[in-house]
Amino acid sequence: MVMKFEKYFRPKTLEEAIKLVQEYGSDCKIVAGGTDVVIRLKAHMLRVKAIVDISAIPELKNVEIGADNAVIGATHDLMSLSRDPALCNSQWEIVAECAGHVSSTQIRNRATLGGNNCNASPSADTTPGLLISDAVVNVIGPTGKRDIPIEDFFVGPGKTVLEQGEIVVSFTLPEQGERCAAAYHKHAIRGDTDISIVCVGVRIGLDADGTVNKARVALGAVAPKPIRAHAVEDLLVGKKLTDDVIEQAARLAEQSITPISDQRASAEYRKEMVYVNVKHMIREVAAKIG
């Protein structure tokens, strides 16, 4: 099918991009990799007058790994991100790991971290890694800059809190602390090329005596948007990771969700897979910390 739009722009600066988005308003669509938007345009599911391609804006591709935080540009492609040595060997390596689970090699070469999250899919693979890392979405628009905690960024399927004319420029990841590690699992029938039936991210921080001082549990494909399992986190903090505590946490994760049944899995199956994978991910993280 032929894509139908009147204008295509590829600005070289953020200022130029913001002006274009303001000019065309709701009649334009921002793209970077285009792996989702192009499909929708070809299927005539999306109809706009202008396409604003932000992939040529240099600062949106930067990845800066510091001692206290990391800043990842929104248009950095997922393949490069998944293999970035500095990121892979940092306290935020889970973000690189999650990027490596997105679809196929061809898609990862085009798809971006910003696009994967701005699409607001409940099953997006990079989102759990950002959620358990307390990421902040850095946004710029006609009224200036604002920083949005990643947990507050999603409203529902395909919907975010972005206002008209706003552009996601980067994601900031804060320091995670010592004796802290993370793990991610994507459960899908055909592996990474398939959409997740369930995806689970877990981050745990331990005191020297093995007591949990930090817990983050993120679940995807089990609600209208990616979620944090706060009740599970609260249960874990202050306890040691005994078999009984891990069992309680996994069962609580299962009981705290109300997923839907669809063509990929039943609600009951999703609940069971959350139980199984939360248990496995907590154990995996504990083993990483040692």
C-alpha atoms as a PDB file:
ATOM      1  CA  MET A   1       0.000   0.000   0.000  1.00  0.00           C
ATOM      2  CA  VAL A   2       1.071   3.573  -0.680  1.00  0.00           C
ATOM      3  CA  MET A   3       1.670   5.909   2.249  1.00  0.00           C
ATOM      4  CA  LYS A   4      -0.381   9.095   2.005  1.00  0.00           C
ATOM      5  CA  PHE A   5       0.957  12.357   3.429  1.00  0.00           C
ATOM      6  CA  GLU A   6       1.700  15.748   1.879  1.00  0.00           C
ATOM      7  CA  LYS A   7       4.983  16.812   3.463  1.00  0.00           C
ATOM      8  CA  TYR A   8       8.099  15.097   4.758  1.00  0.00           C
ATOM      9  CA  PHE A   9      10.585  17.039   6.904  1.00  0.00           C
ATOM     10  CA  ARG A  10      13.940  15.965   8.348  1.00  0.00           C
ATOM     11  CA  PRO A  11      15.029  18.823  10.628  1.00  0.00           C
ATOM     12  CA  LYS A  12      18.632  19.070  11.830  1.00  0.00           C
ATOM     13  CA  THR A  13      17.872  20.913  15.090  1.00  0.00           C
ATOM     14  CA  LEU A  14      15.372  20.589  17.925  1.00  0.00           C
ATOM     15  CA  GLU A  15      14.276  24.194  17.396  1.00  0.00           C
ATOM     16  CA  GLU A  16      13.361  23.465  13.785  1.00  0.00           C
ATOM     17  CA  ALA A  17      11.514  20.277  14.786  1.00  0.00           C
ATOM     18  CA  ILE A  18       9.476  22.079  17.447  1.00  0.00           C
ATOM     19  CA  LYS A  19       8.481  24.796  14.977  1.00  0.00           C
ATOM     20  CA  LEU A  20       7.299  22.193  12.469  1.00  0.00           C
ATOM     21  CA  VAL A  21       5.294  20.305  15.074  1.00  0.00           C
ATOM     22  CA  GLN A  22       3.688  23.567  16.197  1.00  0.00           C
ATOM     23  CA  GLU A  23       2.893  24.556  12.626  1.00  0.00           C
ATOM     24  CA  TYR A  24       1.156  21.303  11.699  1.00  0.00           C
ATOM     25  CA  GLY A  25      -0.256  20.433  15.116  1.00  0.00           C
ATOM     26  CA  SER A  26      -2.321  17.258  15.171  1.00  0.00           C
ATOM     27  CA  ASP A  27      -1.852  16.937  11.386  1.00  0.00           C
ATOM     28  CA  CYS A  28       1.752  15.787  11.801  1.00  0.00           C
ATOM     29  CA  LYS A  29       3.467  12.697  13.161  1.00  0.00           C
ATOM     30  CA  ILE A  30       6.963  12.505  14.630  1.00  0.00           C
ATOM     31  CA  VAL A  31       9.086   9.550  13.534  1.00  0.00           C
ATOM     32  CA  ALA A  32      12.615   8.373  14.273  1.00  0.00           C
ATOM     33  CA  GLY A  33      13.030   4.726  13.217  1.00  0.00           C
ATOM     34  CA  GLY A  34       9.538   4.502  11.748  1.00  0.00           C
ATOM     35  CA  THR A  35       9.081   0.789  12.457  1.00  0.00           C
ATOM     36  CA  ASP A  36       5.564   1.342  13.799  1.00  0.00           C
ATOM     37  CA  VAL A  37       4.488   4.531  12.048  1.00  0.00           C
ATOM     38  CA  VAL A  38       5.375   3.350   8.527  1.00  0.00           C
ATOM     39  CA  ILE A  39       3.230   0.222   8.951  1.00  0.00           C
ATOM     40  CA  ARG A  40       0.291   2.319  10.143  1.00  0.00           C
ATOM     41  CA  LEU A  41       0.727   4.772   7.283  1.00  0.00           C
ATOM     42  CA  LYS A  42       0.821   1.993   4.692  1.00  0.00           C
ATOM     43  CA  ALA A  43      -2.303   0.408   6.167  1.00  0.00           C
ATOM     44  CA  HIS A  44      -4.009   3.834   6.203  1.00  0.00           C
ATOM     45  CA  MET A  45      -4.567   3.421   9.937  1.00  0.00           C
ATOM     46  CA  LEU A  46      -2.810   6.759  10.379  1.00  0.00           C
ATOM     47  CA  ARG A  47      -3.631   9.822   8.269  1.00  0.00           C
ATOM     48  CA  VAL A  48      -1.565  12.998   8.638  1.00  0.00           C
ATOM     49  CA  LYS A  49      -0.455  15.876   6.424  1.00  0.00           C
ATOM     50  CA  ALA A  50       3.177  15.971   7.527  1.00  0.00           C
ATOM     51  CA  ILE A  51       5.862  13.593   8.754  1.00  0.00           C
ATOM     52  CA  VAL A  52       8.596  15.107  10.940  1.00  0.00           C
ATOM     53  CA  ASP A  53      11.614  12.794  11.002  1.00  0.00           C
ATOM     54  CA  ILE A  54      13.816  13.671  14.010  1.00  0.00           C
ATOM     55  CA  SER A  55      16.502  11.056  13.302  1.00  0.00           C
ATOM     56  CA  ALA A  56      18.990  13.631  11.950  1.00  0.00           C
ATOM     57  CA  ILE A  57      19.151  15.725  15.144  1.00  0.00           C
ATOM     58  CA  PRO A  58      22.603  14.876  16.580  1.00  0.00           C
ATOM     59  CA  GLU A  59      21.987  15.411  20.298  1.00  0.00           C
ATOM     60  CA  LEU A  60      19.055  12.979  20.298  1.00  0.00           C
ATOM     61  CA  LYS A  61      21.444  10.096  19.552  1.00  0.00           C
ATOM     62  CA  ASN A  62      23.878  10.687  22.433  1.00  0.00           C
ATOM     63  CA  VAL A  63      24.541   8.157  25.183  1.00  0.00           C
ATOM     64  CA  GLU A  64      26.345   9.536  28.236  1.00  0.00           C
ATOM     65  CA  ILE A  65      27.314   7.138  31.016  1.00  0.00           C
ATOM     66  CA  GLY A  66      28.456   8.890  34.197  1.00  0.00           C
ATOM     67  CA  ALA A  67      29.186   7.838  37.751  1.00  0.00           C
ATOM     68  CA  ASP A  68      25.895   9.192  39.102  1.00  0.00           C
ATOM     69  CA  ASN A  69      23.539   8.849  36.133  1.00  0.00           C
ATOM     70  CA  ALA A  70      23.159   7.853  32.513  1.00  0.00           C
ATOM     71  CA  VAL A  71      21.431   9.835  29.774  1.00  0.00           C
ATOM     72  CA  ILE A  72      20.285   8.007  26.648  1.00  0.00           C
ATOM     73  CA  GLY A  73      19.134   9.926  23.589  1.00  0.00           C
ATOM     74  CA  ALA A  74      15.633   9.145  22.379  1.00  0.00           C
ATOM     75  CA  THR A  75      16.636   8.339  18.788  1.00  0.00           C
ATOM     76  CA  HIS A  76      19.491   5.987  19.648  1.00  0.00           C
ATOM     77  CA  ASP A  77      18.791   2.736  17.779  1.00  0.00           C
ATOM     78  CA  LEU A  78      18.143  -0.353  19.864  1.00  0.00           C
ATOM     79  CA  MET A  79      20.762  -2.555  18.210  1.00  0.00           C
ATOM     80  CA  SER A  80      23.580  -0.130  19.029  1.00  0.00           C
ATOM     81  CA  LEU A  81      22.137   0.394  22.497  1.00  0.00           C
ATOM     82  CA  SER A  82      22.044  -3.338  23.200  1.00  0.00           C
ATOM     83  CA  ARG A  83      25.756  -3.586  22.318  1.00  0.00           C
ATOM     84  CA  ASP A  84      27.051  -0.354  23.821  1.00  0.00           C
ATOM     85  CA  PRO A  85      30.089  -1.410  25.912  1.00  0.00           C
ATOM     86  CA  ALA A  86      29.777   1.438  28.404  1.00  0.00           C
ATOM     87  CA  LEU A  87      26.091   0.754  29.022  1.00  0.00           C
ATOM     88  CA  CYS A  88      26.485  -3.044  29.077  1.00  0.00           C
ATOM     89  CA  ASN A  89      29.173  -2.760  31.758  1.00  0.00           C
ATOM     90  CA  SER A  90      27.331  -0.220  33.887  1.00  0.00           C
ATOM     91  CA  GLN A  91      24.771  -0.360  36.685  1.00  0.00           C
ATOM     92  CA  TRP A  92      22.132   0.263  33.998  1.00  0.00           C
ATOM     93  CA  GLU A  93      23.006  -2.752  31.840  1.00  0.00           C
ATOM     94  CA  ILE A  94      19.404  -4.000  32.100  1.00  0.00           C
ATOM     95  CA  VAL A  95      18.365  -1.247  29.663  1.00  0.00           C
ATOM     96  CA  ALA A  96      20.803  -2.621  27.079  1.00  0.00           C
ATOM     97  CA  GLU A  97      19.577  -6.164  27.766  1.00  0.00           C
ATOM     98  CA  CYS A  98      15.935  -5.181  27.240  1.00  0.00           C
ATOM     99  CA  ALA A  99      16.811  -3.359  23.997  1.00  0.00           C
ATOM    100  CA  GLY A 100      18.298  -6.603  22.713  1.00  0.00           C
ATOM    101  CA  HIS A 101      14.960  -8.404  23.131  1.00  0.00           C
ATOM    102  CA  VAL A 102      12.959  -6.104  20.829  1.00  0.00           C
ATOM    103  CA  SER A 103      11.755  -8.014  17.774  1.00  0.00           C
ATOM    104  CA  SER A 104      14.231  -8.976  15.029  1.00  0.00           C
ATOM    105  CA  THR A 105      17.732  -7.812  14.137  1.00  0.00           C
ATOM    106  CA  GLN A 106      16.337  -5.747  11.261  1.00  0.00           C
ATOM    107  CA  ILE A 107      13.833  -3.987  13.520  1.00  0.00           C
ATOM    108  CA  ARG A 108      16.409  -3.295  16.226  1.00  0.00           C
ATOM    109  CA  ASN A 109      18.645  -1.653  13.624  1.00  0.00           C
ATOM    110  CA  ARG A 110      15.878   0.908  12.962  1.00  0.00           C
ATOM    111  CA  ALA A 111      13.773   1.112  16.118  1.00  0.00           C
ATOM    112  CA  THR A 112      14.672   3.635  18.813  1.00  0.00           C
ATOM    113  CA  LEU A 113      14.361   3.819  22.582  1.00  0.00           C
ATOM    114  CA  GLY A 114      12.097   6.850  22.284  1.00  0.00           C
ATOM    115  CA  GLY A 115       9.836   5.257  19.718  1.00  0.00           C
ATOM    116  CA  ASN A 116       9.520   1.996  21.629  1.00  0.00           C
ATOM    117  CA  ASN A 117       8.185   3.924  24.613  1.00  0.00           C
ATOM    118  CA  CYS A 118       6.228   6.682  22.849  1.00  0.00           C
ATOM    119  CA  ASN A 119       4.214   3.950  21.125  1.00  0.00           C
ATOM    120  CA  ALA A 120       3.029   3.076  24.653  1.00  0.00           C
ATOM    121  CA  SER A 121       2.527  -0.604  23.978  1.00  0.00           C
ATOM    122  CA  PRO A 122       1.715  -2.561  27.159  1.00  0.00           C
ATOM    123  CA  SER A 123       4.190  -5.217  25.974  1.00  0.00           C
ATOM    124  CA  ALA A 124       7.104  -2.959  24.960  1.00  0.00           C
ATOM    125  CA  ASP A 125      10.357  -4.708  25.863  1.00  0.00           C
ATOM    126  CA  THR A 126      12.429  -1.668  26.814  1.00  0.00           C
ATOM    127  CA  THR A 127       9.873  -0.258  29.240  1.00  0.00           C
ATOM    128  CA  PRO A 128      10.358  -2.723  32.141  1.00  0.00           C
ATOM    129  CA  GLY A 129      14.081  -1.966  32.161  1.00  0.00           C
ATOM    130  CA  LEU A 130      13.362   1.741  32.404  1.00  0.00           C
ATOM    131  CA  LEU A 131      10.703   1.219  35.067  1.00  0.00           C
ATOM    132  CA  ILE A 132      12.953  -0.788  37.385  1.00  0.00           C
ATOM    133  CA  SER A 133      15.709   1.791  36.848  1.00  0.00           C
ATOM    134  CA  ASP A 134      13.491   4.728  37.910  1.00  0.00           C
ATOM    135  CA  ALA A 135      14.041   6.396  34.546  1.00  0.00           C
ATOM    136  CA  VAL A 136      12.916   9.947  33.859  1.00  0.00           C
ATOM    137  CA  VAL A 137      11.620  10.954  30.425  1.00  0.00           C
ATOM    138  CA  ASN A 138      13.157  14.258  29.336  1.00  0.00           C
ATOM    139  CA  VAL A 139      10.747  16.225  27.149  1.00  0.00           C
ATOM    140  CA  ILE A 140      10.925  19.549  25.334  1.00  0.00           C
ATOM    141  CA  GLY A 141       8.083  21.486  23.732  1.00  0.00           C
ATOM    142  CA  PRO A 142       6.722  24.941  22.930  1.00  0.00           C
ATOM    143  CA  THR A 143       6.536  25.875  26.623  1.00  0.00           C
ATOM    144  CA  GLY A 144       9.989  24.564  27.527  1.00  0.00           C
ATOM    145  CA  LYS A 145      11.378  21.455  29.184  1.00  0.00           C
ATOM    146  CA  ARG A 146       9.846  19.034  31.639  1.00  0.00           C
ATOM    147  CA  ASP A 147      10.931  15.758  33.224  1.00  0.00           C
ATOM    148  CA  ILE A 148       8.405  12.948  33.624  1.00  0.00           C
ATOM    149  CA  PRO A 149       8.962   9.832  35.768  1.00  0.00           C
ATOM    150  CA  ILE A 150       8.628   6.856  33.423  1.00  0.00           C
ATOM    151  CA  GLU A 151       5.875   5.343  35.577  1.00  0.00           C
ATOM    152  CA  ASP A 152       3.747   8.470  35.017  1.00  0.00           C
ATOM    153  CA  PHE A 153       4.468   8.615  31.275  1.00  0.00           C
ATOM    154  CA  PHE A 154       1.915   6.026  30.134  1.00  0.00           C
ATOM    155  CA  VAL A 155      -1.842   6.542  30.162  1.00  0.00           C
ATOM    156  CA  GLY A 156      -3.096   3.481  28.283  1.00  0.00           C
ATOM    157  CA  PRO A 157      -2.546   1.493  25.080  1.00  0.00           C
ATOM    158  CA  GLY A 158      -0.938   3.874  22.573  1.00  0.00           C
ATOM    159  CA  LYS A 159      -1.383   6.869  24.894  1.00  0.00           C
ATOM    160  CA  THR A 160       1.141   8.914  26.876  1.00  0.00           C
ATOM    161  CA  VAL A 161       1.033  12.182  28.807  1.00  0.00           C
ATOM    162  CA  LEU A 162       2.855  14.013  25.999  1.00  0.00           C
ATOM    163  CA  GLU A 163       1.131  17.250  25.069  1.00  0.00           C
ATOM    164  CA  GLN A 164       0.744  18.688  21.582  1.00  0.00           C
ATOM    165  CA  GLY A 165       4.121  19.770  20.225  1.00  0.00           C
ATOM    166  CA  GLU A 166       6.245  17.957  22.825  1.00  0.00           C
ATOM    167  CA  ILE A 167       9.196  15.796  21.790  1.00  0.00           C
ATOM    168  CA  VAL A 168      10.984  13.196  23.910  1.00  0.00           C
ATOM    169  CA  VAL A 169      14.687  14.030  23.757  1.00  0.00           C
ATOM    170  CA  SER A 170      16.250  11.551  26.204  1.00  0.00           C
ATOM    171  CA  PHE A 171      15.900   9.242  29.197  1.00  0.00           C
ATOM    172  CA  THR A 172      17.822   9.887  32.419  1.00  0.00           C
ATOM    173  CA  LEU A 173      18.699   6.950  34.673  1.00  0.00           C
ATOM    174  CA  PRO A 174      19.694   7.722  38.292  1.00  0.00           C
ATOM    175  CA  GLU A 175      22.337   5.930  40.332  1.00  0.00           C
ATOM    176  CA  GLN A 176      21.134   2.500  41.476  1.00  0.00           C
ATOM    177  CA  GLY A 177      23.330   1.914  44.529  1.00  0.00           C
ATOM    178  CA  GLU A 178      25.795  -0.757  45.611  1.00  0.00           C
ATOM    179  CA  ARG A 179      24.966  -4.464  45.790  1.00  0.00           C
ATOM    180  CA  CYS A 180      22.138  -3.893  43.321  1.00  0.00           C
ATOM    181  CA  ALA A 181      21.328  -5.927  40.216  1.00  0.00           C
ATOM    182  CA  ALA A 182      18.527  -6.464  37.739  1.00  0.00           C
ATOM    183  CA  ALA A 183      17.084  -9.161  35.480  1.00  0.00           C
ATOM    184  CA  TYR A 184      14.530  -9.304  32.660  1.00  0.00           C
ATOM    185  CA  HIS A 185      12.553 -12.075  31.010  1.00  0.00           C
ATOM    186  CA  LYS A 186      10.401 -11.921  27.899  1.00  0.00           C
ATOM    187  CA  HIS A 187       7.923 -14.790  27.606  1.00  0.00           C
ATOM    188  CA  ALA A 188       6.804 -15.213  23.996  1.00  0.00           C
ATOM    189  CA  ILE A 189       5.962 -18.179  21.781  1.00  0.00           C
ATOM    190  CA  ARG A 190       8.486 -17.441  19.008  1.00  0.00           C
ATOM    191  CA  GLY A 191      11.156 -15.737  21.079  1.00  0.00           C
ATOM    192  CA  ASP A 192      12.227 -12.144  20.618  1.00  0.00           C
ATOM    193  CA  THR A 193      10.603 -11.750  17.201  1.00  0.00           C
ATOM    194  CA  ASP A 194       7.189 -12.239  18.781  1.00  0.00           C
ATOM    195  CA  ILE A 195       5.187  -9.866  20.982  1.00  0.00           C
ATOM    196  CA  SER A 196       5.449 -10.639  24.689  1.00  0.00           C
ATOM    197  CA  ILE A 197       2.760 -12.705  26.341  1.00  0.00           C
ATOM    198  CA  VAL A 198       4.238 -11.518  29.633  1.00  0.00           C
ATOM    199  CA  CYS A 199       7.436  -9.626  30.398  1.00  0.00           C
ATOM    200  CA  VAL A 200       8.970  -9.190  33.830  1.00  0.00           C
ATOM    201  CA  GLY A 201      11.749  -6.948  35.078  1.00  0.00           C
ATOM    202  CA  VAL A 202      13.149  -7.127  38.618  1.00  0.00           C
ATOM    203  CA  ARG A 203      15.760  -5.005  40.404  1.00  0.00           C
ATOM    204  CA  ILE A 204      16.924  -5.789  43.931  1.00  0.00           C
ATOM    205  CA  GLY A 205      19.358  -4.039  46.256  1.00  0.00           C
ATOM    206  CA  LEU A 206      20.769  -5.877  49.288  1.00  0.00           C
ATOM    207  CA  ASP A 207      22.425  -4.770  52.505  1.00  0.00           C
ATOM    208  CA  ALA A 208      25.625  -6.513  53.555  1.00  0.00           C
ATOM    209  CA  ASP A 209      23.599  -8.999  55.646  1.00  0.00           C
ATOM    210  CA  GLY A 210      21.320  -9.876  52.718  1.00  0.00           C
ATOM    211  CA  THR A 211      18.339  -7.738  53.714  1.00  0.00           C
ATOM    212  CA  VAL A 212      16.492  -6.172  50.790  1.00  0.00           C
ATOM    213  CA  ASN A 213      16.860  -2.385  50.838  1.00  0.00           C
ATOM    214  CA  LYS A 214      15.513  -1.748  47.349  1.00  0.00           C
ATOM    215  CA  ALA A 215      12.985  -3.580  45.201  1.00  0.00           C
ATOM    216  CA  ARG A 216      11.557  -2.796  41.793  1.00  0.00           C
ATOM    217  CA  VAL A 217       9.229  -5.149  39.926  1.00  0.00           C
ATOM    218  CA  ALA A 218       7.843  -4.221  36.501  1.00  0.00           C
ATOM    219  CA  LEU A 219       5.261  -6.184  34.546  1.00  0.00           C
ATOM    220  CA  GLY A 220       4.351  -5.871  30.876  1.00  0.00           C
ATOM    221  CA  ALA A 221       1.456  -7.230  28.765  1.00  0.00           C
ATOM    222  CA  VAL A 222      -0.748  -7.763  31.833  1.00  0.00           C
ATOM    223  CA  ALA A 223      -2.529  -4.386  32.021  1.00  0.00           C
ATOM    224  CA  PRO A 224      -3.506  -1.497  29.716  1.00  0.00           C
ATOM    225  CA  LYS A 225      -0.021  -0.059  30.304  1.00  0.00           C
ATOM    226  CA  PRO A 226       3.308  -1.317  31.700  1.00  0.00           C
ATOM    227  CA  ILE A 227       3.108  -1.296  35.494  1.00  0.00           C
ATOM    228  CA  ARG A 228       5.141  -1.456  38.666  1.00  0.00           C
ATOM    229  CA  ALA A 229       4.070  -4.094  41.188  1.00  0.00           C
ATOM    230  CA  HIS A 230       4.301  -1.842  44.242  1.00  0.00           C
ATOM    231  CA  ALA A 231       2.724  -4.323  46.644  1.00  0.00           C
ATOM    232  CA  VAL A 232       5.377  -6.887  45.746  1.00  0.00           C
ATOM    233  CA  GLU A 233       8.130  -4.312  46.201  1.00  0.00           C
ATOM    234  CA  ASP A 234       6.796  -3.353  49.620  1.00  0.00           C
ATOM    235  CA  LEU A 235       6.665  -6.989  50.661  1.00  0.00           C
ATOM    236  CA  LEU A 236      10.307  -7.577  49.722  1.00  0.00           C
ATOM    237  CA  VAL A 237      11.898  -4.512  51.334  1.00  0.00           C
ATOM    238  CA  GLY A 238      13.229  -5.225  54.825  1.00  0.00           C
ATOM    239  CA  LYS A 239      13.278  -9.002  54.346  1.00  0.00           C
ATOM    240  CA  LYS A 240      15.896 -11.542  53.369  1.00  0.00           C
ATOM    241  CA  LEU A 241      15.321 -13.489  50.166  1.00  0.00           C
ATOM    242  CA  THR A 242      14.367 -16.839  51.650  1.00  0.00           C
ATOM    243  CA  ASP A 243      12.430 -19.369  49.596  1.00  0.00           C
ATOM    244  CA  ASP A 244       9.289 -18.478  51.560  1.00  0.00           C
ATOM    245  CA  VAL A 245       9.627 -14.728  50.913  1.00  0.00           C
ATOM    246  CA  ILE A 246      10.285 -15.280  47.210  1.00  0.00           C
ATOM    247  CA  GLU A 247       7.220 -17.550  47.020  1.00  0.00           C
ATOM    248  CA  GLN A 248       5.073 -14.930  48.734  1.00  0.00           C
ATOM    249  CA  ALA A 249       6.309 -12.227  46.361  1.00  0.00           C
ATOM    250  CA  ALA A 250       5.601 -14.308  43.262  1.00  0.00           C
ATOM    251  CA  ARG A 251       2.103 -15.225  44.458  1.00  0.00           C
ATOM    252  CA  LEU A 252       1.357 -11.600  45.313  1.00  0.00           C
ATOM    253  CA  ALA A 253       2.473 -10.537  41.828  1.00  0.00           C
ATOM    254  CA  GLU A 254       0.085 -13.107  40.335  1.00  0.00           C
ATOM    255  CA  GLN A 255      -2.801 -11.977  42.551  1.00  0.00           C
ATOM    256  CA  SER A 256      -2.250  -8.261  41.950  1.00  0.00           C
ATOM    257  CA  ILE A 257      -2.972  -8.293  38.202  1.00  0.00           C
ATOM    258  CA  THR A 258      -6.147  -8.623  36.123  1.00  0.00           C
ATOM    259  CA  PRO A 259      -4.902  -9.325  32.601  1.00  0.00           C
ATOM    260  CA  ILE A 260      -7.112  -9.926  29.584  1.00  0.00           C
ATOM    261  CA  SER A 261      -7.404 -12.970  27.361  1.00  0.00           C
ATOM    262  CA  ASP A 262      -6.456 -12.409  23.722  1.00  0.00           C
ATOM    263  CA  GLN A 263      -5.063 -14.267  20.705  1.00  0.00           C
ATOM    264  CA  ARG A 264      -1.693 -14.753  22.395  1.00  0.00           C
ATOM    265  CA  ALA A 265      -2.778 -16.127  25.787  1.00  0.00           C
ATOM    266  CA  SER A 266      -5.584 -16.463  28.291  1.00  0.00           C
ATOM    267  CA  ALA A 267      -5.748 -14.315  31.388  1.00  0.00           C
ATOM    268  CA  GLU A 268      -5.179 -17.377  33.552  1.00  0.00           C
ATOM    269  CA  TYR A 269      -2.028 -18.307  31.644  1.00  0.00           C
ATOM    270  CA  ARG A 270      -0.662 -14.775  31.970  1.00  0.00           C
ATOM    271  CA  LYS A 271      -1.207 -14.839  35.729  1.00  0.00           C
ATOM    272  CA  GLU A 272       0.607 -18.158  36.028  1.00  0.00           C
ATOM    273  CA  MET A 273       3.518 -16.896  33.908  1.00  0.00           C
ATOM    274  CA  VAL A 274       3.831 -13.797  36.081  1.00  0.00           C
ATOM    275  CA  TYR A 275       4.078 -16.046  39.138  1.00  0.00           C
ATOM    276  CA  VAL A 276       6.718 -18.268  37.527  1.00  0.00           C
ATOM    277  CA  ASN A 277       8.825 -15.481  36.061  1.00  0.00           C
ATOM    278  CA  VAL A 278       8.783 -13.154  39.077  1.00  0.00           C
ATOM    279  CA  LYS A 279      10.054 -16.059  41.172  1.00  0.00           C
ATOM    280  CA  HIS A 280      12.794 -16.862  38.657  1.00  0.00           C
ATOM    281  CA  MET A 281      13.860 -13.237  38.199  1.00  0.00           C
ATOM    282  CA  ILE A 282      14.174 -12.588  41.946  1.00  0.00           C
ATOM    283  CA  ARG A 283      16.378 -15.668  42.264  1.00  0.00           C
ATOM    284  CA  GLU A 284      18.433 -14.637  39.256  1.00  0.00           C
ATOM    285  CA  VAL A 285      19.022 -11.171  40.681  1.00  0.00           C
ATOM    286  CA  ALA A 286      19.995 -12.591  44.072  1.00  0.00           C
ATOM    287  CA  ALA A 287      22.530 -14.858  42.372  1.00  0.00           C
ATOM    288  CA  LYS A 288      24.012 -11.909  40.463  1.00  0.00           C
ATOM    289  CA  ILE A 289      24.578  -9.965  43.681  1.00  0.00           C
ATOM    290  CA  GLY A 290      26.043 -13.005  45.407  1.00  0.00           C
END
